[in-house]
Amino acid sequence: MDEKATDQQQNFVRNLVSIKKGRINLNPWSFITKDDKLLFKESSCYGPIPEDHWVFRSIKLPKIHELKGKTLFLSSRSNYWHLLADELCDLSLLINSRIKINEFDHIIFEKSPFSAGKELQEIFGLHQLNQVSLQELLHIECEELFFFTGTFCLSKHALSLVQYKIKSSLIQSSSNSGGNSNRIIVSRGSSTTRIWLNENECKESLNTLGFELIDPSKLSLSEQVKAFSSAEIILGPHGAGLTNIMFCNPGTKVIEIRAQEQGGEYSSANCYEELSSIFRVKHHTFDCPSTERKDLKGRSIEDADLVPDPIKLMNFICEKVLI
């Protein structure tokens, strides 16, 4: 371990470590040492047994692309949740620990395809760094690889640093769009996983309660912040749009629609509940039937499509939230 950025709060520990000749492979997801050992805690997305990891069943991994110098790994995803809750939190911990980001020769992360994500990457200076895409190269060997390891949970301290920087950068914003309702439905939009199959049917039922539909993927960052900070009740399926809970006022009520089968040690089922707890938001979960996505290897249940019953959903809101 050559450098360390540690966040310790409520048993949360996150350390920056480094290894020589470390490799990262995208599919199967794996961190590999120069003597071909698997760093399992960083590679264990789908189970607790190292020998069962997909990498041991792979006949041939993709061609290795070598990176000279010091490489910092932030992320291999372009998802809004991972950008805010992982990349920017880790980046904020580094900066808060006075580790200079520009001293790394390469930074592994994905450029966001959405306007809000691009805004965030500019606010935190990621657009100025020497970016390397794992999604493009697939298999990378680094002369010296730096990455975070430690507790897999949310850090109130890191999230607060991210929230403060974002709000500070948007304080001069005069945007008047992005949703003015105090009751909003968060659409999954054009998402390809956890699709809300009967979204329109549910929306028609909820119109009678004064809900307004928004699609965060089509909104700017300031529009999303405004929509969530002005809402009193937020309803939406488990998905990246709910990351904006971090901009809600304390006491805001959130109803998360979630597949009743989702859960388990390696599931992300509770991540939005944890986020709500950190920002003192009143969180409710509505478990519903789902359609398994067998085309999604390893995540067929975790990312199953959602089919909430409109009447049951309406009754849940009236009985649990509108009281």
Foldseek 3Di string as FASTA:
>chain_A
DPDWQWDDDPNFTKTKDKAFFWKAFVVQGFIAHPVGDTPCQRRPLFDDDPCPRCVVVDPDGDDEDEDEFEEEEFDQDQFLLSVQQTRQLVLLSCVVVVNDPQNGQEYEDDQHPFQQSNVLCVLSVVVVHHYDHCVVVRMYTYRMYIYMDTDPAGDLVSNVSSVVSVCVVCVPPDDPAQAQFQAEEEAPPPDPFQHQPPVVVLVVLCVVVVYYYDYVRHDHNVSLLVHQQNHQEYEYEPGRSLSSLLSHAAAREYEYEYAPPADDDSACVCRSVSSCVSRNYHYHYDHAHFAFDPVDPSCRPNRTYGHHDSVVVVVCCVVPPVD
